[in-house]
Amino acid sequence: MIDTDLALQKILDALPSPDSTELDLDAALGHVLAGPAIAALDLPPFDQSAVDGYAVRHADIADAPLALPVVQTIAAAARDAAPVLAPGTAARIFTGGWLPLHADTSVRQELTERDGDRVRVLQALPAGTDVRRQGEELRLGDTIGRAGQRITPGLLGAIAMGGVSRVRVHRRPRIAILITGDEVAPPGAPLRPGQIADANGPLLRAHLQHWGYHAVTLHYVGDRYEQVCDALAQAFASADLVLTTGGVSVGDHDHVPAAAQAGGAQTVFWKVAQKPGMPLYVARQGRALLFGLPGNPASVLVNLLVYVRPALARFEGLADMPAWRHGRLSHDVRAEVSKTLWLRMRETTDDQGQSLLLPLERQASHMLSNLADATVLVRVPASASGRCTAGTMVRWITL
């Protein structure tokens, strides 16, 4: 049995190097950049007016108020060549329009009075007023997005503005879920005597979809050794991560470790000093990684958050792991003498705005109902006293 930190490190070390592929930008949302996204042009790509108004030479309005002839109109539109402004004239220009050569200032419309083909500028302005200079945001070749960054809607927009249409990203993992156990009935199926409704499949798939993983299959597998062997073989052939629930303890029908090894999987570890979720089994078969999750729903939840989610992030080449934070216990809670204890709690803030963690009832490994109120999973360290007192600082992660 190993501790939780070593277990996570062994998992991360067992993962294969991330694959990468090139995608059109409009298909890349949610993927992780495998290399930097580099600006293909200056931003802005040319000097622009930041307002609706008039493009002028600063020297021509130094003695304002005065009137200038309006000799051209410049819209925010494609042009064959850069416009040019003659001395002593003004150009009607709109926001985003190409500032003409020799112009260096935009006079917003509110500071002018139009009279036919002339415009009266009501006051002098500093040179460069309301002008967006070419390259003031980014220069050709600047980095817009870094390798290891997930492409959010905002980052995607920034990359597009930089003139980039394709990006190299890490491939998203294919995930297979196998729910084992003759006693487990799929959602909606009639329950026979001795059966329970499956919560693990919906719990796993919902979390994975919430995190953006949609290439997920889910199958139900009986308790016969041959059935488990066949299901694992198919999952290893088609998935990068295989998540099984149940079948990893020491019962007569717990076949997952033996079936995985019979199929060529190499054990990474079996059993972690934690509660719930102690019988976690991890193995690698080729490039696929197997997480044998204990069957109790709270054990599934803990191992999914603590181990599977960081593994998914590493598989995708994500630079940042899911963030652990610190908070203070509002009340005494029990602790395990020699194991990490995982408790579901509700996080709030105290009068100083610091994180405060409120314990909840119904923490047994077969219970999930407190997830209606829980917002965080709290790591309670082992304690010889069997207690962790109110005010103790502990680590937590968002559920």
Protein backbone atom coordinates (compact mmCIF):
# COMPACT_ATOMS: atom_id res chain seq x y z
CA MET A 1 0.00 0.00 0.00
CA ILE A 2 1.39 3.42 -0.96
CA ASP A 3 0.49 6.95 0.08
CA THR A 4 -1.62 9.29 -2.02
CA ASP A 5 1.19 11.54 -3.25
CA LEU A 6 3.30 8.61 -4.43
CA ALA A 7 0.25 7.07 -6.10
CA LEU A 8 -0.37 10.21 -8.14
CA GLN A 9 3.29 10.49 -9.11
CA LYS A 10 3.35 6.86 -10.27
CA ILE A 11 0.27 7.49 -12.40
CA LEU A 12 1.77 10.57 -14.04
CA ASP A 13 5.04 8.73 -14.68
CA ALA A 14 3.15 5.84 -16.30
CA LEU A 15 1.37 8.00 -18.87
CA PRO A 16 2.60 7.94 -22.48
CA SER A 17 3.89 11.10 -24.12
CA PRO A 18 1.01 13.18 -25.50
CA ASP A 19 0.18 12.83 -29.20
CA SER A 20 -0.39 15.93 -31.29
CA THR A 21 -2.27 16.80 -34.43
CA GLU A 22 -3.07 19.91 -36.47
CA LEU A 23 -6.63 21.23 -36.50
CA ASP A 24 -8.51 24.05 -38.13
CA LEU A 25 -8.99 26.73 -35.51
CA ASP A 26 -12.77 26.39 -35.53
CA ALA A 27 -12.37 22.73 -34.47
CA ALA A 28 -9.78 23.41 -31.76
CA LEU A 29 -11.94 24.79 -28.94
CA GLY A 30 -11.19 22.95 -25.69
CA HIS A 31 -8.00 21.33 -26.98
CA VAL A 32 -4.57 22.01 -25.48
CA LEU A 33 -1.92 23.70 -27.60
CA ALA A 34 0.99 21.39 -28.42
CA GLY A 35 3.10 24.34 -29.54
CA PRO A 36 2.85 28.12 -29.37
CA ALA A 37 0.29 29.94 -31.47
CA ILE A 38 2.29 32.65 -33.27
CA ALA A 39 0.85 35.88 -34.65
CA ALA A 40 0.86 35.83 -38.45
CA LEU A 41 0.54 39.61 -38.69
CA ASP A 42 0.82 42.81 -36.69
CA LEU A 43 -2.12 43.79 -34.50
CA PRO A 44 -3.51 46.14 -35.56
CA PRO A 45 -2.22 45.33 -39.06
CA PHE A 46 -2.16 49.03 -39.98
CA ASP A 47 -2.69 52.38 -38.26
CA GLN A 48 -6.40 52.76 -37.53
CA SER A 49 -8.79 55.37 -36.26
CA ALA A 50 -10.20 54.47 -32.86
CA VAL A 51 -13.28 56.68 -33.36
CA ASP A 52 -15.78 57.96 -35.89
CA GLY A 53 -14.51 61.38 -36.87
CA TYR A 54 -11.85 62.99 -39.03
CA ALA A 55 -8.25 62.04 -39.81
CA VAL A 56 -5.94 65.04 -39.80
CA ARG A 57 -2.33 66.10 -39.53
CA HIS A 58 -1.65 67.33 -36.01
CA ALA A 59 0.21 70.35 -37.38
CA ASP A 60 -2.90 71.42 -39.31
CA ILE A 61 -5.08 71.73 -36.18
CA ALA A 62 -2.54 73.32 -33.84
CA ASP A 63 -4.38 76.66 -34.10
CA ALA A 64 -7.91 75.23 -33.72
CA PRO A 65 -10.67 76.18 -33.79
CA LEU A 66 -10.41 76.19 -37.59
CA ALA A 67 -11.99 74.63 -40.69
CA LEU A 68 -10.48 72.13 -43.14
CA PRO A 69 -11.79 70.79 -46.45
CA VAL A 70 -12.98 67.15 -46.32
CA VAL A 71 -11.43 65.49 -49.38
CA GLN A 72 -12.18 61.78 -48.90
CA THR A 73 -14.13 59.25 -46.83
CA ILE A 74 -12.45 56.17 -45.31
CA ALA A 75 -14.63 53.32 -44.13
CA ALA A 76 -13.52 50.22 -42.21
CA ALA A 77 -13.24 48.14 -45.37
CA ALA A 78 -10.80 46.43 -47.72
CA ARG A 79 -8.76 48.75 -49.95
CA ASP A 80 -6.36 48.27 -52.83
CA ALA A 81 -3.80 50.67 -51.37
CA ALA A 82 -3.17 52.86 -48.36
CA PRO A 83 -5.04 56.20 -48.43
CA VAL A 84 -2.98 59.39 -48.46
CA LEU A 85 -3.85 62.71 -46.80
CA ALA A 86 -2.68 65.97 -48.38
CA PRO A 87 -1.52 68.81 -46.11
CA GLY A 88 -4.25 71.18 -44.98
CA THR A 89 -7.08 68.69 -45.53
CA ALA A 90 -9.17 66.25 -43.50
CA ALA A 91 -10.56 62.77 -44.24
CA ARG A 92 -13.92 61.57 -42.94
CA ILE A 93 -13.03 58.30 -41.19
CA PHE A 94 -14.88 55.63 -39.27
CA THR A 95 -13.81 53.41 -36.38
CA GLY A 96 -11.32 50.83 -37.62
CA GLY A 97 -10.67 52.73 -40.84
CA TRP A 98 -7.12 52.81 -42.27
CA LEU A 99 -5.49 56.04 -41.10
CA PRO A 100 -4.14 57.73 -44.24
CA LEU A 101 -0.46 58.29 -44.76
CA HIS A 102 0.73 61.63 -43.32
CA ALA A 103 -2.24 61.75 -40.90
CA ASP A 104 -1.32 61.29 -37.23
CA THR A 105 -4.47 62.23 -35.30
CA SER A 106 -8.17 61.37 -35.27
CA VAL A 107 -10.60 64.07 -34.18
CA ARG A 108 -13.73 62.43 -32.83
CA GLN A 109 -16.98 63.61 -34.36
CA GLU A 110 -18.16 65.21 -31.10
CA LEU A 111 -15.29 67.74 -31.33
CA THR A 112 -16.23 68.92 -34.81
CA GLU A 113 -18.96 70.75 -36.73
CA ARG A 114 -19.62 69.74 -40.35
CA ASP A 115 -20.54 72.37 -42.92
CA GLY A 116 -20.94 70.92 -46.39
CA ASP A 117 -17.56 69.82 -47.69
CA ARG A 118 -15.70 71.41 -44.80
CA VAL A 119 -15.31 70.43 -41.14
CA ARG A 120 -14.66 72.79 -38.29
CA VAL A 121 -12.31 71.34 -35.63
CA LEU A 122 -13.30 72.90 -32.32
CA GLN A 123 -10.08 72.39 -30.34
CA ALA A 124 -6.45 71.41 -30.69
CA LEU A 125 -5.52 67.87 -29.69
CA PRO A 126 -2.26 66.11 -28.85
CA ALA A 127 -0.64 64.24 -31.75
CA GLY A 128 -1.74 60.60 -31.86
CA THR A 129 -5.12 61.19 -30.24
CA ASP A 130 -7.52 58.29 -30.91
CA VAL A 131 -5.10 56.45 -33.19
CA ARG A 132 -4.46 52.72 -32.93
CA ARG A 133 -0.87 52.21 -34.04
CA GLN A 134 0.15 49.25 -36.17
CA GLY A 135 1.53 46.48 -33.96
CA GLU A 136 0.71 48.21 -30.68
CA GLU A 137 -0.93 45.01 -29.37
CA LEU A 138 1.16 42.31 -31.07
CA ARG A 139 3.91 42.10 -33.63
CA LEU A 140 4.26 39.50 -36.37
CA GLY A 141 5.92 36.48 -34.71
CA ASP A 142 4.78 37.26 -31.17
CA THR A 143 3.35 34.41 -29.08
CA ILE A 144 -0.42 34.56 -28.60
CA GLY A 145 -0.97 31.21 -26.87
CA ARG A 146 1.63 29.05 -25.11
CA ALA A 147 2.14 25.32 -25.44
CA GLY A 148 0.16 23.65 -22.67
CA GLN A 149 -2.65 26.21 -22.68
CA ARG A 150 -6.23 25.02 -23.17
CA ILE A 151 -7.97 26.88 -25.98
CA THR A 152 -10.81 28.81 -24.40
CA PRO A 153 -13.29 30.87 -26.43
CA GLY A 154 -11.28 33.98 -25.57
CA LEU A 155 -7.94 32.48 -26.59
CA LEU A 156 -9.47 31.13 -29.78
CA GLY A 157 -10.67 34.62 -30.64
CA ALA A 158 -7.23 36.11 -29.94
CA ILE A 159 -5.55 33.48 -32.12
CA ALA A 160 -8.00 34.16 -34.94
CA MET A 161 -7.38 37.90 -34.71
CA GLY A 162 -3.68 37.16 -35.05
CA GLY A 163 -4.29 35.73 -38.50
CA VAL A 164 -3.87 32.07 -37.50
CA SER A 165 -6.24 29.53 -39.07
CA ARG A 166 -4.69 26.21 -37.95
CA VAL A 167 -3.05 25.17 -34.68
CA ARG A 168 -1.15 22.14 -33.42
CA VAL A 169 -2.90 20.62 -30.43
CA HIS A 170 -2.67 17.51 -28.27
CA ARG A 171 -5.12 14.77 -29.08
CA ARG A 172 -7.94 14.40 -26.59
CA PRO A 173 -8.11 11.01 -24.87
CA ARG A 174 -10.55 8.27 -25.83
CA ILE A 175 -12.10 6.92 -22.64
CA ALA A 176 -13.81 3.59 -22.00
CA ILE A 177 -15.92 3.03 -18.89
CA LEU A 178 -16.69 -0.52 -17.76
CA ILE A 179 -19.24 -0.92 -14.96
CA THR A 180 -18.73 -4.37 -13.48
CA GLY A 181 -21.03 -6.38 -11.26
CA ASP A 182 -24.09 -8.60 -11.70
CA GLU A 183 -25.81 -6.55 -9.01
CA VAL A 184 -25.66 -3.29 -11.01
CA ALA A 185 -28.57 -2.35 -13.27
CA PRO A 186 -28.24 0.38 -15.92
CA PRO A 187 -30.29 3.55 -15.39
CA GLY A 188 -33.91 2.97 -16.32
CA ALA A 189 -33.68 -0.82 -16.24
CA PRO A 190 -36.11 -2.62 -13.90
CA LEU A 191 -34.40 -3.75 -10.70
CA ARG A 192 -34.48 -7.44 -9.96
CA PRO A 193 -34.30 -8.55 -6.34
CA GLY A 194 -30.74 -8.04 -5.10
CA GLN A 195 -29.85 -5.41 -7.71
CA ILE A 196 -29.05 -1.72 -7.31
CA ALA A 197 -29.39 1.18 -9.75
CA ASP A 198 -26.06 2.21 -11.24
CA ALA A 199 -24.75 5.58 -10.08
CA ASN A 200 -21.12 5.13 -11.13
CA GLY A 201 -21.69 5.23 -14.88
CA PRO A 202 -23.75 8.44 -14.82
CA LEU A 203 -21.35 9.97 -12.26
CA LEU A 204 -18.26 9.23 -14.35
CA ARG A 205 -19.73 10.21 -17.69
CA ALA A 206 -21.22 13.43 -16.33
CA HIS A 207 -17.90 14.54 -14.84
CA LEU A 208 -16.03 13.68 -18.02
CA GLN A 209 -18.50 15.55 -20.19
CA HIS A 210 -18.42 18.51 -17.81
CA TRP A 211 -14.62 18.59 -18.24
CA GLY A 212 -15.00 18.50 -22.01
CA TYR A 213 -14.31 14.81 -22.73
CA HIS A 214 -16.95 13.49 -25.10
CA ALA A 215 -15.18 10.51 -26.70
CA VAL A 216 -16.50 8.24 -23.95
CA THR A 217 -18.01 4.75 -24.22
CA LEU A 218 -19.81 2.96 -21.37
CA HIS A 219 -20.53 -0.76 -21.06
CA TYR A 220 -21.88 -3.03 -18.33
CA VAL A 221 -19.94 -6.21 -17.59
CA GLY A 222 -20.97 -9.23 -15.57
CA ASP A 223 -18.96 -10.86 -12.80
CA ARG A 224 -17.58 -13.79 -14.79
CA TYR A 225 -13.81 -13.76 -15.31
CA GLU A 226 -14.15 -14.38 -19.07
CA GLN A 227 -16.56 -11.47 -19.43
CA VAL A 228 -14.12 -9.13 -17.68
CA CYS A 229 -11.21 -10.38 -19.83
CA ASP A 230 -13.15 -9.81 -23.06
CA ALA A 231 -14.38 -6.36 -22.02
CA LEU A 232 -10.88 -5.23 -21.01
CA ALA A 233 -9.36 -6.51 -24.26
CA GLN A 234 -11.86 -4.49 -26.30
CA ALA A 235 -11.35 -1.40 -24.14
CA PHE A 236 -7.54 -1.58 -24.37
CA ALA A 237 -7.81 -1.82 -28.16
CA SER A 238 -9.96 1.29 -28.52
CA ALA A 239 -9.25 3.65 -25.60
CA ASP A 240 -6.41 5.61 -24.07
CA LEU A 241 -7.87 5.54 -20.56
CA VAL A 242 -9.95 2.66 -19.26
CA LEU A 243 -12.04 3.24 -16.13
CA THR A 244 -13.56 0.21 -14.45
CA THR A 245 -15.75 0.28 -11.36
CA GLY A 246 -15.87 -2.66 -8.95
CA GLY A 247 -13.95 -5.90 -9.10
CA VAL A 248 -10.67 -4.68 -7.56
CA SER A 249 -10.93 -5.84 -3.96
CA VAL A 250 -10.38 -9.37 -2.59
CA GLY A 251 -13.79 -10.96 -3.16
CA ASP A 252 -14.36 -14.10 -5.19
CA HIS A 253 -15.83 -12.04 -8.05
CA ASP A 254 -13.15 -9.31 -8.08
CA HIS A 255 -11.50 -10.16 -11.40
CA VAL A 256 -10.18 -6.87 -12.77
CA PRO A 257 -6.49 -7.11 -11.67
CA ALA A 258 -6.13 -10.75 -12.77
CA ALA A 259 -7.97 -10.14 -16.04
CA ALA A 260 -5.87 -7.06 -16.81
CA GLN A 261 -2.63 -8.95 -16.18
CA ALA A 262 -3.82 -11.87 -18.30
CA GLY A 263 -4.31 -9.38 -21.13
CA GLY A 264 -0.73 -8.13 -20.88
CA ALA A 265 -1.20 -5.15 -18.56
CA GLN A 266 1.66 -4.22 -16.25
CA THR A 267 0.62 -3.27 -12.72
CA VAL A 268 1.64 0.26 -11.66
CA PHE A 269 0.29 -0.17 -8.11
CA TRP A 270 -2.59 -1.70 -6.20
CA LYS A 271 -4.02 -0.12 -3.03
CA VAL A 272 -3.53 3.37 -1.62
CA ALA A 273 -3.49 4.45 2.04
CA GLN A 274 -6.73 6.40 1.79
CA LYS A 275 -10.38 6.18 2.74
CA PRO A 276 -12.57 5.85 0.77
CA GLY A 277 -11.02 4.29 -2.33
CA MET A 278 -8.25 2.16 -0.82
CA PRO A 279 -8.29 -0.74 -3.37
CA LEU A 280 -7.45 1.50 -6.36
CA TYR A 281 -5.70 -0.57 -9.05
CA VAL A 282 -3.67 1.08 -11.83
CA ALA A 283 -2.01 -0.74 -14.73
CA ARG A 284 -0.69 0.04 -18.20
CA GLN A 285 -1.29 -1.99 -21.33
CA GLY A 286 0.56 -0.59 -24.33
CA ARG A 287 -0.35 3.10 -24.46
CA ALA A 288 -3.58 2.58 -22.51
CA LEU A 289 -3.80 3.27 -18.79
CA LEU A 290 -6.27 1.35 -16.63
CA PHE A 291 -7.85 2.78 -13.51
CA GLY A 292 -9.55 -0.01 -11.56
CA LEU A 293 -11.84 2.01 -9.31
CA PRO A 294 -13.44 0.45 -6.24
CA GLY A 295 -17.17 0.03 -6.77
CA ASN A 296 -18.61 2.18 -3.99
CA PRO A 297 -19.74 5.50 -5.50
CA ALA A 298 -17.83 7.72 -3.06
CA SER A 299 -14.67 5.75 -3.86
CA VAL A 300 -15.29 6.31 -7.56
CA LEU A 301 -15.72 10.04 -6.97
CA VAL A 302 -12.55 10.39 -4.86
CA ASN A 303 -10.32 8.49 -7.27
CA LEU A 304 -11.79 10.31 -10.26
CA LEU A 305 -10.99 13.72 -8.78
CA VAL A 306 -7.68 12.95 -7.12
CA TYR A 307 -6.04 10.70 -9.74
CA VAL A 308 -7.99 10.43 -12.99
CA ARG A 309 -8.46 14.14 -13.58
CA PRO A 310 -4.74 14.99 -13.22
CA ALA A 311 -3.95 12.04 -15.50
CA LEU A 312 -6.32 13.44 -18.13
CA ALA A 313 -4.65 16.84 -17.86
CA ARG A 314 -1.19 15.32 -18.27
CA PHE A 315 -2.35 13.14 -21.17
CA GLU A 316 -3.43 16.29 -23.01
CA GLY A 317 -0.17 18.09 -22.24
CA LEU A 318 -1.90 20.66 -20.04
CA ALA A 319 0.68 22.84 -18.32
CA ASP A 320 -1.35 23.35 -15.14
CA MET A 321 -2.73 20.58 -12.95
CA PRO A 322 -6.15 20.97 -11.26
CA ALA A 323 -5.64 23.46 -8.44
CA TRP A 324 -5.65 22.47 -4.78
CA ARG A 325 -6.48 25.23 -2.35
CA HIS A 326 -6.29 25.69 1.40
CA GLY A 327 -9.10 26.31 3.86
CA ARG A 328 -9.86 26.19 7.56
CA LEU A 329 -12.11 23.58 9.18
CA SER A 330 -15.17 25.06 10.86
CA HIS A 331 -15.59 22.08 13.21
CA ASP A 332 -13.67 19.11 14.51
CA VAL A 333 -13.74 16.11 12.16
CA ARG A 334 -12.55 12.56 12.51
CA ALA A 335 -9.24 11.48 10.98
CA GLU A 336 -7.70 8.12 10.13
CA VAL A 337 -4.66 7.06 12.14
CA SER A 338 -2.60 5.86 9.17
CA LYS A 339 -4.53 6.92 6.04
CA THR A 340 -5.63 10.05 4.25
CA LEU A 341 -9.33 10.63 4.76
CA TRP A 342 -11.35 12.27 2.00
CA LEU A 343 -14.48 14.16 3.12
CA ARG A 344 -17.08 16.01 1.10
CA MET A 345 -17.74 19.49 2.52
CA ARG A 346 -19.28 22.81 1.66
CA GLU A 347 -16.88 25.70 1.17
CA THR A 348 -17.78 29.23 2.26
CA THR A 349 -15.85 32.25 3.56
CA ASP A 350 -15.35 33.62 7.04
CA ASP A 351 -15.60 37.25 8.14
CA GLN A 352 -12.09 37.91 6.79
CA GLY A 353 -12.93 36.44 3.39
CA GLN A 354 -10.85 33.29 4.01
CA SER A 355 -11.94 29.83 2.91
CA LEU A 356 -14.02 28.04 5.58
CA LEU A 357 -14.93 24.37 5.22
CA LEU A 358 -18.20 23.04 6.65
CA PRO A 359 -18.40 19.26 7.26
CA LEU A 360 -21.47 17.35 6.05
CA GLU A 361 -23.25 14.21 7.19
CA ARG A 362 -23.57 10.96 5.17
CA GLN A 363 -19.91 10.41 4.31
CA ALA A 364 -19.93 6.60 3.98
CA SER A 365 -18.41 5.22 0.79
CA HIS A 366 -21.77 3.91 -0.48
CA MET A 367 -23.45 7.31 -0.05
CA LEU A 368 -23.66 10.19 -2.53
CA SER A 369 -26.68 12.19 -1.37
CA ASN A 370 -24.60 14.89 0.34
CA LEU A 371 -23.34 15.90 -3.12
CA ALA A 372 -26.52 17.95 -3.31
CA ASP A 373 -24.80 20.33 -0.85
CA ALA A 374 -21.08 19.53 -1.10
CA THR A 375 -18.87 21.82 -3.18
CA VAL A 376 -15.38 20.57 -2.34
CA LEU A 377 -13.43 17.41 -1.55
CA VAL A 378 -11.23 17.88 1.52
CA ARG A 379 -8.02 16.02 2.29
CA VAL A 380 -7.86 15.23 6.02
CA PRO A 381 -4.33 14.08 6.90
CA ALA A 382 -3.67 11.03 9.06
CA SER A 383 -3.57 11.78 12.77
CA ALA A 384 -2.52 9.57 15.68
CA SER A 385 -5.30 11.15 17.75
CA GLY A 386 -8.00 10.20 15.26
CA ARG A 387 -9.22 13.81 15.18
CA CYS A 388 -8.58 16.96 13.15
CA THR A 389 -9.59 20.02 15.15
CA ALA A 390 -11.57 23.08 14.13
CA GLY A 391 -9.32 25.80 12.71
CA THR A 392 -6.87 23.35 11.14
CA MET A 393 -5.75 24.35 7.66
CA VAL A 394 -6.38 21.56 5.15
CA ARG A 395 -6.27 21.18 1.38
CA TRP A 396 -9.33 20.96 -0.87
CA ILE A 397 -10.30 20.68 -4.50
CA THR A 398 -13.52 21.72 -6.20
CA LEU A 399 -16.02 18.93 -6.83
